[in-house]
Amino acid sequence: MAIPHVASGEPVDVRPLGNRLAQGQTHALFKTEGLEVIRLVLPQGKSMPPHAVAGEITVHCLEGQIDIQTDARSQVLEAGQLLYLAGGVTHSLVSLADATALLTIVLRK
């Protein structure tokens, strides 16, 4: 069953999942023509291979630790920290501890 997107003006809870993280799933909170917001659920050791998106992105670590690698460096995000990447930057990530993050992507055609 697909998780429905939130409607315009509808609040959504993005607080840390805590002991519910193991049952959590990554899902898009909403997607418009120009913006997508996704809640990432990343159990320890979960990784995403190198990739790039056309638009700018932010990764806001809500809980845990996430190591984000780019060609230039490796950055460890902890709860409460946010990372911005320009469009087209190749990046990968690995969760160093059970983590959730809020991912925003500016969609470019």
PDB file of N, CA and C in Angstrom:
ATOM      1  N   MET A   1       0.846  -1.184   0.000  1.00  0.00           N
ATOM      2  CA  MET A   1       0.000   0.000   0.000  1.00  0.00           C
ATOM      3  C   MET A   1       0.886   1.240   0.000  1.00  0.00           C
ATOM      4  N   ALA A   2       0.662   2.137  -0.920  1.00  0.00           N
ATOM      5  CA  ALA A   2       1.430   3.370  -1.014  1.00  0.00           C
ATOM      6  C   ALA A   2       1.037   4.324   0.109  1.00  0.00           C
ATOM      7  N   ILE A   3       2.040   5.039   0.620  1.00  0.00           N
ATOM      8  CA  ILE A   3       1.773   6.050   1.636  1.00  0.00           C
ATOM      9  C   ILE A   3       1.375   7.321   0.898  1.00  0.00           C
ATOM     10  N   PRO A   4       0.218   7.897   1.230  1.00  0.00           N
ATOM     11  CA  PRO A   4      -0.222   9.088   0.498  1.00  0.00           C
ATOM     12  C   PRO A   4       0.655  10.297   0.809  1.00  0.00           C
ATOM     13  N   HIS A   5       0.776  11.169  -0.159  1.00  0.00           N
ATOM     14  CA  HIS A   5       1.489  12.422   0.040  1.00  0.00           C
ATOM     15  C   HIS A   5       0.633  13.350   0.893  1.00  0.00           C
ATOM     16  N   VAL A   6       1.283  14.256   1.604  1.00  0.00           N
ATOM     17  CA  VAL A   6       0.539  15.238   2.379  1.00  0.00           C
ATOM     18  C   VAL A   6      -0.045  16.279   1.434  1.00  0.00           C
ATOM     19  N   ALA A   7      -1.163  16.849   1.847  1.00  0.00           N
ATOM     20  CA  ALA A   7      -1.827  17.883   1.053  1.00  0.00           C
ATOM     21  C   ALA A   7      -1.290  19.255   1.443  1.00  0.00           C
ATOM     22  N   SER A   8      -1.425  20.203   0.559  1.00  0.00           N
ATOM     23  CA  SER A   8      -1.027  21.574   0.845  1.00  0.00           C
ATOM     24  C   SER A   8      -1.698  22.051   2.135  1.00  0.00           C
ATOM     25  N   GLY A   9      -0.909  22.595   3.044  1.00  0.00           N
ATOM     26  CA  GLY A   9      -1.442  23.102   4.300  1.00  0.00           C
ATOM     27  C   GLY A   9      -1.588  22.060   5.400  1.00  0.00           C
ATOM     28  N   GLU A  10      -1.296  20.792   5.098  1.00  0.00           N
ATOM     29  CA  GLU A  10      -1.436  19.715   6.084  1.00  0.00           C
ATOM     30  C   GLU A  10      -0.116  19.526   6.840  1.00  0.00           C
ATOM     31  N   PRO A  11      -0.149  19.594   8.187  1.00  0.00           N
ATOM     32  CA  PRO A  11       1.081  19.359   8.940  1.00  0.00           C
ATOM     33  C   PRO A  11       1.521  17.903   8.827  1.00  0.00           C
ATOM     34  N   VAL A  12       2.835  17.690   8.925  1.00  0.00           N
ATOM     35  CA  VAL A  12       3.377  16.332   8.895  1.00  0.00           C
ATOM     36  C   VAL A  12       4.437  16.221   9.991  1.00  0.00           C
ATOM     37  N   ASP A  13       4.431  15.129  10.698  1.00  0.00           N
ATOM     38  CA  ASP A  13       5.347  14.911  11.807  1.00  0.00           C
ATOM     39  C   ASP A  13       6.666  14.357  11.273  1.00  0.00           C
ATOM     40  N   VAL A  14       7.758  15.083  11.460  1.00  0.00           N
ATOM     41  CA  VAL A  14       9.071  14.616  11.027  1.00  0.00           C
ATOM     42  C   VAL A  14      10.017  14.468  12.228  1.00  0.00           C
ATOM     43  N   ARG A  15       9.451  14.359  13.414  1.00  0.00           N
ATOM     44  CA  ARG A  15      10.296  14.144  14.592  1.00  0.00           C
ATOM     45  C   ARG A  15      11.006  12.803  14.484  1.00  0.00           C
ATOM     46  N   PRO A  16      12.117  12.646  15.213  1.00  0.00           N
ATOM     47  CA  PRO A  16      12.830  11.369  15.201  1.00  0.00           C
ATOM     48  C   PRO A  16      11.902  10.203  15.536  1.00  0.00           C
ATOM     49  N   LEU A  17      12.162   9.058  14.905  1.00  0.00           N
ATOM     50  CA  LEU A  17      11.344   7.873  15.130  1.00  0.00           C
ATOM     51  C   LEU A  17      11.742   7.126  16.402  1.00  0.00           C
ATOM     52  N   GLY A  18      12.981   7.310  16.855  1.00  0.00           N
ATOM     53  CA  GLY A  18      13.431   6.648  18.080  1.00  0.00           C
ATOM     54  C   GLY A  18      13.304   5.137  17.977  1.00  0.00           C
ATOM     55  N   ASN A  19      12.626   4.514  18.960  1.00  0.00           N
ATOM     56  CA  ASN A  19      12.519   3.045  18.980  1.00  0.00           C
ATOM     57  C   ASN A  19      11.600   2.506  17.887  1.00  0.00           C
ATOM     58  N   ARG A  20      10.953   3.367  17.109  1.00  0.00           N
ATOM     59  CA  ARG A  20      10.117   2.932  15.980  1.00  0.00           C
ATOM     60  C   ARG A  20      10.885   2.912  14.660  1.00  0.00           C
ATOM     61  N   LEU A  21      12.170   3.285  14.697  1.00  0.00           N
ATOM     62  CA  LEU A  21      12.950   3.393  13.464  1.00  0.00           C
ATOM     63  C   LEU A  21      13.028   2.069  12.717  1.00  0.00           C
ATOM     64  N   ALA A  22      13.162   0.969  13.419  1.00  0.00           N
ATOM     65  CA  ALA A  22      13.283  -0.341  12.757  1.00  0.00           C
ATOM     66  C   ALA A  22      12.048  -0.683  11.924  1.00  0.00           C
ATOM     67  N   GLN A  23      10.896  -0.143  12.270  1.00  0.00           N
ATOM     68  CA  GLN A  23       9.666  -0.397  11.516  1.00  0.00           C
ATOM     69  C   GLN A  23       9.395   0.699  10.473  1.00  0.00           C
ATOM     70  N   GLY A  24      10.201   1.751  10.478  1.00  0.00           N
ATOM     71  CA  GLY A  24       9.977   2.874   9.570  1.00  0.00           C
ATOM     72  C   GLY A  24      10.373   2.536   8.139  1.00  0.00           C
ATOM     73  N   GLN A  25       9.828   3.289   7.210  1.00  0.00           N
ATOM     74  CA  GLN A  25      10.134   3.115   5.794  1.00  0.00           C
ATOM     75  C   GLN A  25      10.391   4.473   5.162  1.00  0.00           C
ATOM     76  N   THR A  26      11.304   4.496   4.217  1.00  0.00           N
ATOM     77  CA  THR A  26      11.535   5.703   3.445  1.00  0.00           C
ATOM     78  C   THR A  26      10.309   5.982   2.591  1.00  0.00           C
ATOM     79  N   HIS A  27       9.868   7.252   2.565  1.00  0.00           N
ATOM     80  CA  HIS A  27       8.750   7.593   1.685  1.00  0.00           C
ATOM     81  C   HIS A  27       8.751   9.083   1.368  1.00  0.00           C
ATOM     82  N   ALA A  28       8.199   9.401   0.206  1.00  0.00           N
ATOM     83  CA  ALA A  28       8.057  10.792  -0.213  1.00  0.00           C
ATOM     84  C   ALA A  28       6.914  11.423   0.566  1.00  0.00           C
ATOM     85  N   LEU A  29       7.190  12.560   1.195  1.00  0.00           N
ATOM     86  CA  LEU A  29       6.136  13.276   1.904  1.00  0.00           C
ATOM     87  C   LEU A  29       5.263  14.043   0.921  1.00  0.00           C
ATOM     88  N   PHE A  30       5.916  14.684  -0.058  1.00  0.00           N
ATOM     89  CA  PHE A  30       5.168  15.313  -1.146  1.00  0.00           C
ATOM     90  C   PHE A  30       6.090  15.544  -2.329  1.00  0.00           C
ATOM     91  N   LYS A  31       5.471  15.697  -3.469  1.00  0.00           N
ATOM     92  CA  LYS A  31       6.212  15.975  -4.695  1.00  0.00           C
ATOM     93  C   LYS A  31       5.375  16.906  -5.543  1.00  0.00           C
ATOM     94  N   THR A  32       6.002  17.996  -5.980  1.00  0.00           N
ATOM     95  CA  THR A  32       5.349  18.936  -6.882  1.00  0.00           C
ATOM     96  C   THR A  32       6.180  18.992  -8.164  1.00  0.00           C
ATOM     97  N   GLU A  33       5.822  19.873  -9.046  1.00  0.00           N
ATOM     98  CA  GLU A  33       6.578  20.013 -10.291  1.00  0.00           C
ATOM     99  C   GLU A  33       8.019  20.441 -10.023  1.00  0.00           C
ATOM    100  N   GLY A  34       8.240  21.215  -8.943  1.00  0.00           N
ATOM    101  CA  GLY A  34       9.570  21.758  -8.705  1.00  0.00           C
ATOM    102  C   GLY A  34      10.280  21.288  -7.451  1.00  0.00           C
ATOM    103  N   LEU A  35       9.605  20.488  -6.594  1.00  0.00           N
ATOM    104  CA  LEU A  35      10.203  20.133  -5.306  1.00  0.00           C
ATOM    105  C   LEU A  35       9.711  18.771  -4.840  1.00  0.00           C
ATOM    106  N   GLU A  36      10.630  17.990  -4.275  1.00  0.00           N
ATOM    107  CA  GLU A  36      10.252  16.732  -3.651  1.00  0.00           C
ATOM    108  C   GLU A  36      10.883  16.684  -2.266  1.00  0.00           C
ATOM    109  N   VAL A  37      10.108  16.241  -1.274  1.00  0.00           N
ATOM    110  CA  VAL A  37      10.600  16.088   0.095  1.00  0.00           C
ATOM    111  C   VAL A  37      10.374  14.641   0.512  1.00  0.00           C
ATOM    112  N   ILE A  38      11.447  14.005   0.974  1.00  0.00           N
ATOM    113  CA  ILE A  38      11.432  12.580   1.298  1.00  0.00           C
ATOM    114  C   ILE A  38      11.948  12.381   2.714  1.00  0.00           C
ATOM    115  N   ARG A  39      11.276  11.508   3.468  1.00  0.00           N
ATOM    116  CA  ARG A  39      11.819  11.082   4.755  1.00  0.00           C
ATOM    117  C   ARG A  39      12.594   9.792   4.507  1.00  0.00           C
ATOM    118  N   LEU A  40      13.915   9.859   4.723  1.00  0.00           N
ATOM    119  CA  LEU A  40      14.774   8.688   4.559  1.00  0.00           C
ATOM    120  C   LEU A  40      14.878   7.954   5.886  1.00  0.00           C
ATOM    121  N   VAL A  41      14.694   6.654   5.858  1.00  0.00           N
ATOM    122  CA  VAL A  41      14.920   5.794   7.019  1.00  0.00           C
ATOM    123  C   VAL A  41      16.126   4.930   6.684  1.00  0.00           C
ATOM    124  N   LEU A  42      17.175   5.066   7.483  1.00  0.00           N
ATOM    125  CA  LEU A  42      18.457   4.459   7.157  1.00  0.00           C
ATOM    126  C   LEU A  42      18.980   3.634   8.335  1.00  0.00           C
ATOM    127  N   PRO A  43      18.695   2.332   8.352  1.00  0.00           N
ATOM    128  CA  PRO A  43      19.280   1.480   9.390  1.00  0.00           C
ATOM    129  C   PRO A  43      20.811   1.528   9.290  1.00  0.00           C
ATOM    130  N   GLN A  44      21.483   1.290  10.403  1.00  0.00           N
ATOM    131  CA  GLN A  44      22.949   1.297  10.410  1.00  0.00           C
ATOM    132  C   GLN A  44      23.492   0.400   9.302  1.00  0.00           C
ATOM    133  N   GLY A  45      24.456   0.936   8.552  1.00  0.00           N
ATOM    134  CA  GLY A  45      25.082   0.194   7.461  1.00  0.00           C
ATOM    135  C   GLY A  45      24.408   0.370   6.110  1.00  0.00           C
ATOM    136  N   LYS A  46      23.190   0.919   6.081  1.00  0.00           N
ATOM    137  CA  LYS A  46      22.499   1.159   4.805  1.00  0.00           C
ATOM    138  C   LYS A  46      23.296   2.167   3.992  1.00  0.00           C
ATOM    139  N   SER A  47      23.451   1.905   2.709  1.00  0.00           N
ATOM    140  CA  SER A  47      24.215   2.818   1.863  1.00  0.00           C
ATOM    141  C   SER A  47      23.462   3.093   0.573  1.00  0.00           C
ATOM    142  N   MET A  48      23.845   4.186  -0.052  1.00  0.00           N
ATOM    143  CA  MET A  48      23.356   4.537  -1.387  1.00  0.00           C
ATOM    144  C   MET A  48      24.591   4.763  -2.250  1.00  0.00           C
ATOM    145  N   PRO A  49      24.645   4.120  -3.417  1.00  0.00           N
ATOM    146  CA  PRO A  49      25.831   4.254  -4.270  1.00  0.00           C
ATOM    147  C   PRO A  49      25.946   5.679  -4.834  1.00  0.00           C
ATOM    148  N   PRO A  50      27.107   6.017  -5.377  1.00  0.00           N
ATOM    149  CA  PRO A  50      27.285   7.348  -5.970  1.00  0.00           C
ATOM    150  C   PRO A  50      26.226   7.638  -7.034  1.00  0.00           C
ATOM    151  N   HIS A  51      25.666   8.844  -6.949  1.00  0.00           N
ATOM    152  CA  HIS A  51      24.669   9.302  -7.907  1.00  0.00           C
ATOM    153  C   HIS A  51      24.624  10.822  -7.850  1.00  0.00           C
ATOM    154  N   ALA A  52      23.918  11.417  -8.777  1.00  0.00           N
ATOM    155  CA  ALA A  52      23.747  12.869  -8.810  1.00  0.00           C
ATOM    156  C   ALA A  52      22.332  13.164  -9.276  1.00  0.00           C
ATOM    157  N   VAL A  53      21.819  14.310  -8.853  1.00  0.00           N
ATOM    158  CA  VAL A  53      20.531  14.790  -9.340  1.00  0.00           C
ATOM    159  C   VAL A  53      20.758  16.174  -9.933  1.00  0.00           C
ATOM    160  N   ALA A  54      19.906  16.564 -10.856  1.00  0.00           N
ATOM    161  CA  ALA A  54      20.094  17.831 -11.556  1.00  0.00           C
ATOM    162  C   ALA A  54      19.927  19.039 -10.637  1.00  0.00           C
ATOM    163  N   GLY A  55      18.978  18.960  -9.710  1.00  0.00           N
ATOM    164  CA  GLY A  55      18.685  20.103  -8.853  1.00  0.00           C
ATOM    165  C   GLY A  55      19.441  20.078  -7.539  1.00  0.00           C
ATOM    166  N   GLU A  56      19.366  21.193  -6.827  1.00  0.00           N
ATOM    167  CA  GLU A  56      19.988  21.302  -5.525  1.00  0.00           C
ATOM    168  C   GLU A  56      19.282  20.379  -4.535  1.00  0.00           C
ATOM    169  N   ILE A  57      20.036  19.933  -3.509  1.00  0.00           N
ATOM    170  CA  ILE A  57      19.433  19.098  -2.469  1.00  0.00           C
ATOM    171  C   ILE A  57      19.907  19.564  -1.100  1.00  0.00           C
ATOM    172  N   THR A  58      19.097  19.228  -0.098  1.00  0.00           N
ATOM    173  CA  THR A  58      19.543  19.331   1.285  1.00  0.00           C
ATOM    174  C   THR A  58      19.254  17.997   1.957  1.00  0.00           C
ATOM    175  N   VAL A  59      20.127  17.633   2.888  1.00  0.00           N
ATOM    176  CA  VAL A  59      19.928  16.452   3.718  1.00  0.00           C
ATOM    177  C   VAL A  59      19.975  16.952   5.162  1.00  0.00           C
ATOM    178  N   HIS A  60      18.860  16.817   5.866  1.00  0.00           N
ATOM    179  CA  HIS A  60      18.754  17.247   7.261  1.00  0.00           C
ATOM    180  C   HIS A  60      18.668  15.992   8.122  1.00  0.00           C
ATOM    181  N   CYS A  61      19.730  15.698   8.863  1.00  0.00           N
ATOM    182  CA  CYS A  61      19.767  14.515   9.719  1.00  0.00           C
ATOM    183  C   CYS A  61      18.871  14.758  10.934  1.00  0.00           C
ATOM    184  N   LEU A  62      17.856  13.927  11.087  1.00  0.00           N
ATOM    185  CA  LEU A  62      16.923  14.060  12.205  1.00  0.00           C
ATOM    186  C   LEU A  62      17.372  13.261  13.418  1.00  0.00           C
ATOM    187  N   GLU A  63      18.024  12.123  13.175  1.00  0.00           N
ATOM    188  CA  GLU A  63      18.554  11.287  14.259  1.00  0.00           C
ATOM    189  C   GLU A  63      19.622  10.375  13.684  1.00  0.00           C
ATOM    190  N   GLY A  64      20.537   9.939  14.533  1.00  0.00           N
ATOM    191  CA  GLY A  64      21.591   9.041  14.098  1.00  0.00           C
ATOM    192  C   GLY A  64      22.765   9.780  13.488  1.00  0.00           C
ATOM    193  N   GLN A  65      23.504   9.079  12.636  1.00  0.00           N
ATOM    194  CA  GLN A  65      24.670   9.638  11.951  1.00  0.00           C
ATOM    195  C   GLN A  65      24.707   9.132  10.519  1.00  0.00           C
ATOM    196  N   ILE A  66      24.982  10.042   9.596  1.00  0.00           N
ATOM    197  CA  ILE A  66      25.048   9.709   8.176  1.00  0.00           C
ATOM    198  C   ILE A  66      26.344  10.274   7.606  1.00  0.00           C
ATOM    199  N   ASP A  67      27.120   9.428   6.952  1.00  0.00           N
ATOM    200  CA  ASP A  67      28.342   9.865   6.281  1.00  0.00           C
ATOM    201  C   ASP A  67      28.005  10.104   4.820  1.00  0.00           C
ATOM    202  N   ILE A  68      28.164  11.348   4.375  1.00  0.00           N
ATOM    203  CA  ILE A  68      27.880  11.707   2.981  1.00  0.00           C
ATOM    204  C   ILE A  68      29.202  12.022   2.296  1.00  0.00           C
ATOM    205  N   GLN A  69      29.463  11.306   1.202  1.00  0.00           N
ATOM    206  CA  GLN A  69      30.714  11.490   0.471  1.00  0.00           C
ATOM    207  C   GLN A  69      30.437  12.194  -0.851  1.00  0.00           C
ATOM    208  N   THR A  70      31.307  13.136  -1.172  1.00  0.00           N
ATOM    209  CA  THR A  70      31.323  13.772  -2.492  1.00  0.00           C
ATOM    210  C   THR A  70      32.742  13.608  -3.021  1.00  0.00           C
ATOM    211  N   ASP A  71      32.972  14.053  -4.234  1.00  0.00           N
ATOM    212  CA  ASP A  71      34.328  13.995  -4.778  1.00  0.00           C
ATOM    213  C   ASP A  71      35.292  14.798  -3.911  1.00  0.00           C
ATOM    214  N   ALA A  72      34.798  15.845  -3.298  1.00  0.00           N
ATOM    215  CA  ALA A  72      35.661  16.753  -2.555  1.00  0.00           C
ATOM    216  C   ALA A  72      35.965  16.289  -1.128  1.00  0.00           C
ATOM    217  N   ARG A  73      34.997  15.585  -0.465  1.00  0.00           N
ATOM    218  CA  ARG A  73      35.197  15.259   0.937  1.00  0.00           C
ATOM    219  C   ARG A  73      34.147  14.309   1.466  1.00  0.00           C
ATOM    220  N   SER A  74      34.345  13.919   2.702  1.00  0.00           N
ATOM    221  CA  SER A  74      33.379  13.108   3.432  1.00  0.00           C
ATOM    222  C   SER A  74      32.898  13.945   4.616  1.00  0.00           C
ATOM    223  N   GLN A  75      31.604  14.018   4.801  1.00  0.00           N
ATOM    224  CA  GLN A  75      31.013  14.801   5.897  1.00  0.00           C
ATOM    225  C   GLN A  75      30.114  13.897   6.721  1.00  0.00           C
ATOM    226  N   VAL A  76      30.298  13.856   8.032  1.00  0.00           N
ATOM    227  CA  VAL A  76      29.408  13.102   8.903  1.00  0.00           C
ATOM    228  C   VAL A  76      28.380  14.063   9.478  1.00  0.00           C
ATOM    229  N   LEU A  77      27.110  13.772   9.170  1.00  0.00           N
ATOM    230  CA  LEU A  77      26.005  14.563   9.722  1.00  0.00           C
ATOM    231  C   LEU A  77      25.466  13.869  10.957  1.00  0.00           C
ATOM    232  N   GLU A  78      25.217  14.646  11.997  1.00  0.00           N
ATOM    233  CA  GLU A  78      24.585  14.148  13.205  1.00  0.00           C
ATOM    234  C   GLU A  78      23.226  14.814  13.352  1.00  0.00           C
ATOM    235  N   ALA A  79      22.435  14.314  14.282  1.00  0.00           N
ATOM    236  CA  ALA A  79      21.093  14.850  14.500  1.00  0.00           C
ATOM    237  C   ALA A  79      21.135  16.371  14.615  1.00  0.00           C
ATOM    238  N   GLY A  80      20.265  17.013  13.849  1.00  0.00           N
ATOM    239  CA  GLY A  80      20.159  18.463  13.872  1.00  0.00           C
ATOM    240  C   GLY A  80      21.010  19.171  12.835  1.00  0.00           C
ATOM    241  N   GLN A  81      21.867  18.443  12.125  1.00  0.00           N
ATOM    242  CA  GLN A  81      22.719  19.073  11.123  1.00  0.00           C
ATOM    243  C   GLN A  81      22.126  18.905   9.729  1.00  0.00           C
ATOM    244  N   LEU A  82      22.401  19.896   8.877  1.00  0.00           N
ATOM    245  CA  LEU A  82      21.884  19.920   7.515  1.00  0.00           C
ATOM    246  C   LEU A  82      23.051  20.130   6.554  1.00  0.00           C
ATOM    247  N   LEU A  83      23.004  19.449   5.424  1.00  0.00           N
ATOM    248  CA  LEU A  83      24.020  19.597   4.383  1.00  0.00           C
ATOM    249  C   LEU A  83      23.339  20.010   3.088  1.00  0.00           C
ATOM    250  N   TYR A  84      23.893  21.006   2.415  1.00  0.00           N
ATOM    251  CA  TYR A  84      23.417  21.457   1.107  1.00  0.00           C
ATOM    252  C   TYR A  84      24.392  20.980   0.044  1.00  0.00           C
ATOM    253  N   LEU A  85      23.859  20.483  -1.071  1.00  0.00           N
ATOM    254  CA  LEU A  85      24.677  20.133  -2.228  1.00  0.00           C
ATOM    255  C   LEU A  85      24.104  20.808  -3.466  1.00  0.00           C
ATOM    256  N   ALA A  86      24.972  21.404  -4.244  1.00  0.00           N
ATOM    257  CA  ALA A  86      24.555  22.022  -5.501  1.00  0.00           C
ATOM    258  C   ALA A  86      24.086  20.944  -6.473  1.00  0.00           C
ATOM    259  N   GLY A  87      23.281  21.338  -7.413  1.00  0.00           N
ATOM    260  CA  GLY A  87      22.806  20.410  -8.429  1.00  0.00           C
ATOM    261  C   GLY A  87      23.973  19.799  -9.201  1.00  0.00           C
ATOM    262  N   GLY A  88      23.858  18.514  -9.518  1.00  0.00           N
ATOM    263  CA  GLY A  88      24.859  17.832 -10.312  1.00  0.00           C
ATOM    264  C   GLY A  88      26.040  17.282  -9.539  1.00  0.00           C
ATOM    265  N   VAL A  89      26.108  17.528  -8.221  1.00  0.00           N
ATOM    266  CA  VAL A  89      27.231  17.014  -7.422  1.00  0.00           C
ATOM    267  C   VAL A  89      27.025  15.516  -7.175  1.00  0.00           C
ATOM    268  N   THR A  90      28.000  14.716  -7.569  1.00  0.00           N
ATOM    269  CA  THR A  90      27.931  13.282  -7.316  1.00  0.00           C
ATOM    270  C   THR A  90      28.169  13.045  -5.831  1.00  0.00           C
ATOM    271  N   HIS A  91      27.308  12.221  -5.242  1.00  0.00           N
ATOM    272  CA  HIS A  91      27.406  11.944  -3.810  1.00  0.00           C
ATOM    273  C   HIS A  91      26.933  10.523  -3.526  1.00  0.00           C
ATOM    274  N   SER A  92      27.374  10.007  -2.395  1.00  0.00           N
ATOM    275  CA  SER A  92      26.922   8.712  -1.898  1.00  0.00           C
ATOM    276  C   SER A  92      26.773   8.854  -0.392  1.00  0.00           C
ATOM    277  N   LEU A  93      26.174   7.851   0.245  1.00  0.00           N
ATOM    278  CA  LEU A  93      26.042   7.941   1.697  1.00  0.00           C
ATOM    279  C   LEU A  93      26.009   6.566   2.314  1.00  0.00           C
ATOM    280  N   VAL A  94      26.342   6.559   3.604  1.00  0.00           N
ATOM    281  CA  VAL A  94      26.230   5.352   4.415  1.00  0.00           C
ATOM    282  C   VAL A  94      25.794   5.796   5.808  1.00  0.00           C
ATOM    283  N   SER A  95      24.886   5.042   6.383  1.00  0.00           N
ATOM    284  CA  SER A  95      24.403   5.335   7.729  1.00  0.00           C
ATOM    285  C   SER A  95      25.352   4.707   8.739  1.00  0.00           C
ATOM    286  N   LEU A  96      25.945   5.526   9.601  1.00  0.00           N
ATOM    287  CA  LEU A  96      26.886   5.050  10.609  1.00  0.00           C
ATOM    288  C   LEU A  96      26.164   4.537  11.856  1.00  0.00           C
ATOM    289  N   ALA A  97      24.924   4.969  12.026  1.00  0.00           N
ATOM    290  CA  ALA A  97      24.051   4.524  13.123  1.00  0.00           C
ATOM    291  C   ALA A  97      22.631   4.615  12.593  1.00  0.00           C
ATOM    292  N   ASP A  98      21.699   3.895  13.183  1.00  0.00           N
ATOM    293  CA  ASP A  98      20.304   4.017  12.750  1.00  0.00           C
ATOM    294  C   ASP A  98      19.959   5.497  12.638  1.00  0.00           C
ATOM    295  N   ALA A  99      19.407   5.895  11.496  1.00  0.00           N
ATOM    296  CA  ALA A  99      19.206   7.320  11.235  1.00  0.00           C
ATOM    297  C   ALA A  99      17.930   7.563  10.443  1.00  0.00           C
ATOM    298  N   THR A 100      17.407   8.768  10.593  1.00  0.00           N
ATOM    299  CA  THR A 100      16.386   9.277   9.684  1.00  0.00           C
ATOM    300  C   THR A 100      16.840  10.655   9.226  1.00  0.00           C
ATOM    301  N   ALA A 101      16.423  11.020   8.040  1.00  0.00           N
ATOM    302  CA  ALA A 101      16.800  12.307   7.480  1.00  0.00           C
ATOM    303  C   ALA A 101      15.677  12.837   6.614  1.00  0.00           C
ATOM    304  N   LEU A 102      15.625  14.143   6.506  1.00  0.00           N
ATOM    305  CA  LEU A 102      14.683  14.809   5.622  1.00  0.00           C
ATOM    306  C   LEU A 102      15.472  15.270   4.398  1.00  0.00           C
ATOM    307  N   LEU A 103      15.126  14.739   3.242  1.00  0.00           N
ATOM    308  CA  LEU A 103      15.790  15.030   1.979  1.00  0.00           C
ATOM    309  C   LEU A 103      14.892  15.943   1.151  1.00  0.00           C
ATOM    310  N   THR A 104      15.439  17.075   0.724  1.00  0.00           N
ATOM    311  CA  THR A 104      14.709  17.952  -0.197  1.00  0.00           C
ATOM    312  C   THR A 104      15.471  17.986  -1.513  1.00  0.00           C
ATOM    313  N   ILE A 105      14.722  17.900  -2.595  1.00  0.00           N
ATOM    314  CA  ILE A 105      15.307  17.919  -3.932  1.00  0.00           C
ATOM    315  C   ILE A 105      14.581  18.946  -4.781  1.00  0.00           C
ATOM    316  N   VAL A 106      15.335  19.893  -5.330  1.00  0.00           N
ATOM    317  CA  VAL A 106      14.763  20.824  -6.298  1.00  0.00           C
ATOM    318  C   VAL A 106      14.767  20.078  -7.633  1.00  0.00           C
ATOM    319  N   LEU A 107      13.584  19.919  -8.216  1.00  0.00           N
ATOM    320  CA  LEU A 107      13.448  19.143  -9.441  1.00  0.00           C
ATOM    321  C   LEU A 107      13.709  20.021 -10.661  1.00  0.00           C
ATOM    322  N   ARG A 108      14.608  19.581 -11.506  1.00  0.00           N
ATOM    323  CA  ARG A 108      14.952  20.273 -12.733  1.00  0.00           C
ATOM    324  C   ARG A 108      14.613  19.369 -13.901  1.00  0.00           C
ATOM    325  N   LYS A 109      14.179  19.971 -14.976  1.00  0.00           N
ATOM    326  CA  LYS A 109      13.861  19.199 -16.176  1.00  0.00           C
ATOM    327  C   LYS A 109      15.054  19.080 -17.054  1.00  0.00           C
TER     328      LYS A 109
END
